[in-house]
Amino acid sequence: MMKLMCLRRERASKWEQVICPYGESRLENLYDLVKTWKVIPSSADIFEVDTDPSVCVDIGRRTCSCCWWQLNGFPCCYDVCAIKYSGKDLNLYVERYFHVESYRQVYSKPIYPVASLLKGDVVDCGTSILPPLSKKPPGRPKKKRIRSNGEKVREMKCGRCGKMGNHNKLTCKEDLRPDF
């Protein structure tokens, strides 16, 4: 992690543009894609990009009807088209966390190395701890559902003996012969 932070800090110190290189290349690719698109201005900040379907872009509020700009903070192809048409700088419409300065601030603090702790010699006694043996119980699995901790058992009335309890006609073991 220390190497990665140091590498990124050194790499960012050489950058001279406003936007990080990935963002710069992405803006260039988007601009190449939208060079031929038609833009219809509505006001100084509101534009309609005539594509299929047409999209409304408000560069003043940084909104687009495709919602990409609001979600990611990075202009989509429609926004790039409208911003270029208005003659304004694209770098001003990219959120600040895509800027080189923000990147440099993120990687400005170093991660300090941790001194190795002196540990005693580990003696190998030749025994190893094995996982417990788990056997599948014999027979068919139980059909009865295991009830949760707070769940109340509904009292049933047996259809054979007529007593209340946790049994029914099928599981009744009551002796029905009268006592003499």
Foldseek 3Di string as FASTA:
>chain_A
DLVVLVVLLVVLVPDDDFFPPVLVVVLVVLCVVCVPWDWADPDLFWIWTVDVPIKIAGQVVQQIPVRPCVVQQADGSVNSNVCVVSVHDNSVSHDNCRTSVVSNVVSVDGDDDDDDDDDDDDDCPPDDDDDDDDDDDDDDDDPDDDDDDPDDDDWDAEPPPRDIDDDYPVPDPDDPDDDD
